[in-house]
Amino acid sequence: MITEFPVVHTNIWDAFWAVPVVLIIVLLAKWVFKVPSSWLSTVATVTALLLSVFVSHPHNLAAGIFMGFFYGGAAIGIIYSVKQSYLAYRTTE
């Protein structure tokens, strides 16, 4: 039985490159491959998990999974917050 939480060694540079990379991949999937908007969260999560497990934290699976969900959530949060801000701006005019 695991009694301790995994130690996640990360730094601010992970967020500065991982989140924009996931964001770009999700936007490319939307524009180039015409992925429906309902699947963008899934694309972001899968992309971020793969990036985190195999690139950011290749020697620590628990840390890779843990941080992958954060990268995906941050990228999709940016997309949806910009969309909602734009829609709010358009309705106030």
N, C-alpha and C. Protein backbone atom coordinates (compact mmCIF):
# COMPACT_ATOMS: atom_id res chain seq x y z
N MET A 1 0.84 -1.18 0.00
CA MET A 1 0.00 0.00 0.00
C MET A 1 0.89 1.24 0.00
N ILE A 2 0.53 2.19 -0.84
CA ILE A 2 1.30 3.43 -0.92
C ILE A 2 0.82 4.37 0.18
N THR A 3 1.76 4.83 1.00
CA THR A 3 1.39 5.72 2.11
C THR A 3 1.91 7.14 1.91
N GLU A 4 2.72 7.34 0.88
CA GLU A 4 3.27 8.67 0.63
C GLU A 4 2.84 9.16 -0.74
N PHE A 5 2.68 10.47 -0.84
CA PHE A 5 2.41 11.06 -2.14
C PHE A 5 3.71 11.11 -2.94
N PRO A 6 3.62 11.00 -4.27
CA PRO A 6 4.86 11.06 -5.06
C PRO A 6 5.46 12.46 -5.01
N VAL A 7 6.77 12.51 -5.03
CA VAL A 7 7.47 13.79 -5.07
C VAL A 7 7.54 14.22 -6.54
N VAL A 8 7.01 15.39 -6.83
CA VAL A 8 6.99 15.89 -8.20
C VAL A 8 8.01 17.00 -8.30
N HIS A 9 9.07 16.74 -9.05
CA HIS A 9 10.09 17.76 -9.27
C HIS A 9 9.77 18.46 -10.59
N THR A 10 9.32 19.67 -10.50
CA THR A 10 9.02 20.44 -11.69
C THR A 10 9.49 21.87 -11.47
N ASN A 11 9.53 22.61 -12.52
CA ASN A 11 9.90 24.01 -12.40
C ASN A 11 9.02 24.85 -13.31
N ILE A 12 9.18 26.11 -13.25
CA ILE A 12 8.33 27.03 -13.99
C ILE A 12 8.53 26.88 -15.50
N TRP A 13 9.68 26.41 -15.93
CA TRP A 13 9.93 26.27 -17.36
C TRP A 13 9.06 25.19 -17.99
N ASP A 14 8.66 24.20 -17.21
CA ASP A 14 7.73 23.20 -17.73
C ASP A 14 6.44 23.86 -18.20
N ALA A 15 5.92 24.76 -17.40
CA ALA A 15 4.67 25.43 -17.76
C ALA A 15 4.88 26.41 -18.91
N PHE A 16 6.07 26.99 -19.01
CA PHE A 16 6.32 27.96 -20.08
C PHE A 16 6.46 27.31 -21.45
N TRP A 17 6.81 26.05 -21.51
CA TRP A 17 6.90 25.42 -22.83
C TRP A 17 5.85 24.35 -23.02
N ALA A 18 5.44 23.64 -21.99
CA ALA A 18 4.50 22.53 -22.17
C ALA A 18 3.09 23.02 -22.49
N VAL A 19 2.61 24.00 -21.77
CA VAL A 19 1.25 24.50 -21.99
C VAL A 19 1.11 25.12 -23.39
N PRO A 20 2.03 25.98 -23.84
CA PRO A 20 1.90 26.49 -25.21
C PRO A 20 1.98 25.40 -26.29
N VAL A 21 2.81 24.38 -26.07
CA VAL A 21 2.90 23.29 -27.05
C VAL A 21 1.57 22.55 -27.13
N VAL A 22 0.98 22.25 -25.98
CA VAL A 22 -0.33 21.58 -25.97
C VAL A 22 -1.37 22.49 -26.61
N LEU A 23 -1.32 23.76 -26.31
CA LEU A 23 -2.27 24.72 -26.88
C LEU A 23 -2.17 24.74 -28.40
N ILE A 24 -0.97 24.78 -28.92
CA ILE A 24 -0.77 24.80 -30.37
C ILE A 24 -1.26 23.51 -31.02
N ILE A 25 -0.98 22.37 -30.39
CA ILE A 25 -1.43 21.09 -30.95
C ILE A 25 -2.95 21.01 -30.96
N VAL A 26 -3.59 21.48 -29.90
CA VAL A 26 -5.06 21.46 -29.85
C VAL A 26 -5.65 22.38 -30.91
N LEU A 27 -5.09 23.57 -31.07
CA LEU A 27 -5.60 24.48 -32.08
C LEU A 27 -5.37 23.96 -33.50
N LEU A 28 -4.24 23.30 -33.72
CA LEU A 28 -4.00 22.67 -35.03
C LEU A 28 -4.99 21.54 -35.28
N ALA A 29 -5.28 20.77 -34.25
CA ALA A 29 -6.26 19.69 -34.40
C ALA A 29 -7.63 20.26 -34.74
N LYS A 30 -7.95 21.40 -34.16
CA LYS A 30 -9.24 22.03 -34.43
C LYS A 30 -9.30 22.61 -35.83
N TRP A 31 -8.27 23.32 -36.25
CA TRP A 31 -8.31 24.02 -37.52
C TRP A 31 -7.95 23.12 -38.71
N VAL A 32 -6.92 22.31 -38.57
CA VAL A 32 -6.44 21.51 -39.70
C VAL A 32 -7.24 20.22 -39.85
N PHE A 33 -7.43 19.51 -38.74
CA PHE A 33 -8.10 18.20 -38.80
C PHE A 33 -9.59 18.28 -38.51
N LYS A 34 -10.11 19.48 -38.27
CA LYS A 34 -11.54 19.72 -38.05
C LYS A 34 -12.11 18.84 -36.92
N VAL A 35 -11.35 18.75 -35.83
CA VAL A 35 -11.83 18.02 -34.66
C VAL A 35 -12.99 18.81 -34.05
N PRO A 36 -14.12 18.16 -33.73
CA PRO A 36 -15.25 18.88 -33.14
C PRO A 36 -14.88 19.49 -31.79
N SER A 37 -15.53 20.59 -31.45
CA SER A 37 -15.23 21.28 -30.19
C SER A 37 -15.45 20.40 -28.97
N SER A 38 -16.37 19.45 -29.07
CA SER A 38 -16.64 18.56 -27.93
C SER A 38 -15.46 17.63 -27.63
N TRP A 39 -14.55 17.46 -28.58
CA TRP A 39 -13.39 16.58 -28.38
C TRP A 39 -12.12 17.33 -28.01
N LEU A 40 -12.15 18.64 -27.95
CA LEU A 40 -10.92 19.41 -27.70
C LEU A 40 -10.34 19.13 -26.32
N SER A 41 -11.18 18.94 -25.32
CA SER A 41 -10.68 18.63 -23.98
C SER A 41 -9.94 17.30 -23.97
N THR A 42 -10.48 16.33 -24.69
CA THR A 42 -9.83 15.02 -24.77
C THR A 42 -8.50 15.11 -25.49
N VAL A 43 -8.47 15.86 -26.59
CA VAL A 43 -7.22 16.04 -27.33
C VAL A 43 -6.18 16.72 -26.45
N ALA A 44 -6.59 17.74 -25.70
CA ALA A 44 -5.66 18.45 -24.83
C ALA A 44 -5.13 17.54 -23.73
N THR A 45 -6.00 16.76 -23.12
CA THR A 45 -5.57 15.88 -22.03
C THR A 45 -4.63 14.79 -22.52
N VAL A 46 -4.98 14.14 -23.62
CA VAL A 46 -4.13 13.07 -24.15
C VAL A 46 -2.79 13.61 -24.59
N THR A 47 -2.79 14.74 -25.29
CA THR A 47 -1.55 15.36 -25.73
C THR A 47 -0.67 15.74 -24.54
N ALA A 48 -1.28 16.35 -23.54
CA ALA A 48 -0.51 16.78 -22.38
C ALA A 48 0.05 15.59 -21.60
N LEU A 49 -0.74 14.53 -21.48
CA LEU A 49 -0.24 13.34 -20.78
C LEU A 49 0.94 12.72 -21.52
N LEU A 50 0.83 12.60 -22.83
CA LEU A 50 1.94 12.05 -23.60
C LEU A 50 3.19 12.92 -23.49
N LEU A 51 3.00 14.21 -23.62
CA LEU A 51 4.13 15.14 -23.52
C LEU A 51 4.77 15.09 -22.14
N SER A 52 3.95 15.05 -21.12
CA SER A 52 4.47 15.07 -19.76
C SER A 52 5.16 13.76 -19.40
N VAL A 53 4.55 12.65 -19.76
CA VAL A 53 5.12 11.35 -19.39
C VAL A 53 6.41 11.06 -20.16
N PHE A 54 6.42 11.38 -21.46
CA PHE A 54 7.57 10.99 -22.28
C PHE A 54 8.63 12.08 -22.44
N VAL A 55 8.29 13.35 -22.20
CA VAL A 55 9.27 14.42 -22.40
C VAL A 55 9.63 15.11 -21.08
N SER A 56 8.63 15.59 -20.35
CA SER A 56 8.92 16.37 -19.14
C SER A 56 9.41 15.50 -17.98
N HIS A 57 8.75 14.37 -17.76
CA HIS A 57 9.07 13.52 -16.62
C HIS A 57 9.23 12.07 -17.07
N PRO A 58 10.25 11.76 -17.87
CA PRO A 58 10.36 10.41 -18.44
C PRO A 58 10.73 9.33 -17.42
N HIS A 59 11.27 9.71 -16.29
CA HIS A 59 11.72 8.71 -15.32
C HIS A 59 10.81 8.60 -14.10
N ASN A 60 9.68 9.31 -14.13
CA ASN A 60 8.77 9.30 -12.99
C ASN A 60 7.33 9.31 -13.53
N LEU A 61 6.73 8.12 -13.61
CA LEU A 61 5.40 7.99 -14.20
C LEU A 61 4.35 8.76 -13.41
N ALA A 62 4.41 8.67 -12.10
CA ALA A 62 3.42 9.37 -11.27
C ALA A 62 3.48 10.88 -11.49
N ALA A 63 4.67 11.42 -11.53
CA ALA A 63 4.83 12.86 -11.77
C ALA A 63 4.37 13.23 -13.17
N GLY A 64 4.66 12.37 -14.15
CA GLY A 64 4.25 12.65 -15.51
C GLY A 64 2.74 12.69 -15.66
N ILE A 65 2.05 11.75 -15.04
CA ILE A 65 0.59 11.74 -15.09
C ILE A 65 0.02 12.94 -14.35
N PHE A 66 0.55 13.20 -13.17
CA PHE A 66 0.08 14.31 -12.34
C PHE A 66 0.22 15.63 -13.08
N MET A 67 1.39 15.90 -13.64
CA MET A 67 1.62 17.18 -14.32
C MET A 67 0.92 17.23 -15.68
N GLY A 68 0.73 16.08 -16.32
CA GLY A 68 0.04 16.05 -17.60
C GLY A 68 -1.38 16.57 -17.50
N PHE A 69 -2.07 16.20 -16.42
CA PHE A 69 -3.42 16.71 -16.25
C PHE A 69 -3.42 18.23 -16.03
N PHE A 70 -2.40 18.75 -15.37
CA PHE A 70 -2.31 20.20 -15.20
C PHE A 70 -2.04 20.91 -16.52
N TYR A 71 -1.14 20.36 -17.33
CA TYR A 71 -0.83 20.97 -18.62
C TYR A 71 -2.07 20.98 -19.51
N GLY A 72 -2.78 19.88 -19.57
CA GLY A 72 -3.98 19.80 -20.39
C GLY A 72 -5.07 20.73 -19.90
N GLY A 73 -5.25 20.78 -18.60
CA GLY A 73 -6.26 21.67 -18.02
C GLY A 73 -5.94 23.13 -18.27
N ALA A 74 -4.67 23.48 -18.18
CA ALA A 74 -4.27 24.87 -18.44
C ALA A 74 -4.50 25.25 -19.89
N ALA A 75 -4.15 24.35 -20.81
CA ALA A 75 -4.31 24.66 -22.23
C ALA A 75 -5.79 24.80 -22.61
N ILE A 76 -6.62 23.87 -22.17
CA ILE A 76 -8.03 23.95 -22.52
C ILE A 76 -8.70 25.10 -21.78
N GLY A 77 -8.22 25.43 -20.61
CA GLY A 77 -8.75 26.58 -19.88
C GLY A 77 -8.48 27.88 -20.62
N ILE A 78 -7.32 27.99 -21.23
CA ILE A 78 -7.01 29.18 -22.02
C ILE A 78 -7.95 29.29 -23.22
N ILE A 79 -8.16 28.18 -23.89
CA ILE A 79 -9.04 28.19 -25.07
C ILE A 79 -10.45 28.61 -24.69
N TYR A 80 -11.01 27.98 -23.67
CA TYR A 80 -12.39 28.28 -23.30
C TYR A 80 -12.54 29.67 -22.68
N SER A 81 -11.55 30.13 -21.93
CA SER A 81 -11.68 31.47 -21.35
C SER A 81 -11.58 32.55 -22.41
N VAL A 82 -10.72 32.37 -23.41
CA VAL A 82 -10.64 33.34 -24.51
C VAL A 82 -11.95 33.33 -25.31
N LYS A 83 -12.50 32.15 -25.54
CA LYS A 83 -13.77 32.05 -26.27
C LYS A 83 -14.90 32.76 -25.52
N GLN A 84 -14.99 32.52 -24.23
CA GLN A 84 -16.06 33.15 -23.44
C GLN A 84 -15.86 34.66 -23.33
N SER A 85 -14.63 35.10 -23.21
CA SER A 85 -14.36 36.54 -23.18
C SER A 85 -14.76 37.20 -24.49
N TYR A 86 -14.45 36.54 -25.60
CA TYR A 86 -14.82 37.06 -26.91
C TYR A 86 -16.34 37.14 -27.06
N LEU A 87 -17.02 36.07 -26.66
CA LEU A 87 -18.48 36.07 -26.76
C LEU A 87 -19.11 37.14 -25.86
N ALA A 88 -18.56 37.32 -24.68
CA ALA A 88 -19.07 38.36 -23.78
C ALA A 88 -18.84 39.75 -24.37
N TYR A 89 -17.70 39.95 -24.99
CA TYR A 89 -17.40 41.22 -25.61
C TYR A 89 -18.35 41.50 -26.77
N ARG A 90 -18.64 40.47 -27.58
CA ARG A 90 -19.51 40.65 -28.73
C ARG A 90 -20.96 40.94 -28.32
N THR A 91 -21.41 40.44 -27.18
CA THR A 91 -22.80 40.65 -26.78
C THR A 91 -23.00 41.98 -26.08
N THR A 92 -21.94 42.64 -25.62
CA THR A 92 -22.10 43.91 -24.90
C THR A 92 -22.11 45.11 -25.85
N GLU A 93 -21.81 44.91 -27.09
CA GLU A 93 -21.79 46.04 -28.03
C GLU A 93 -23.15 46.38 -28.54
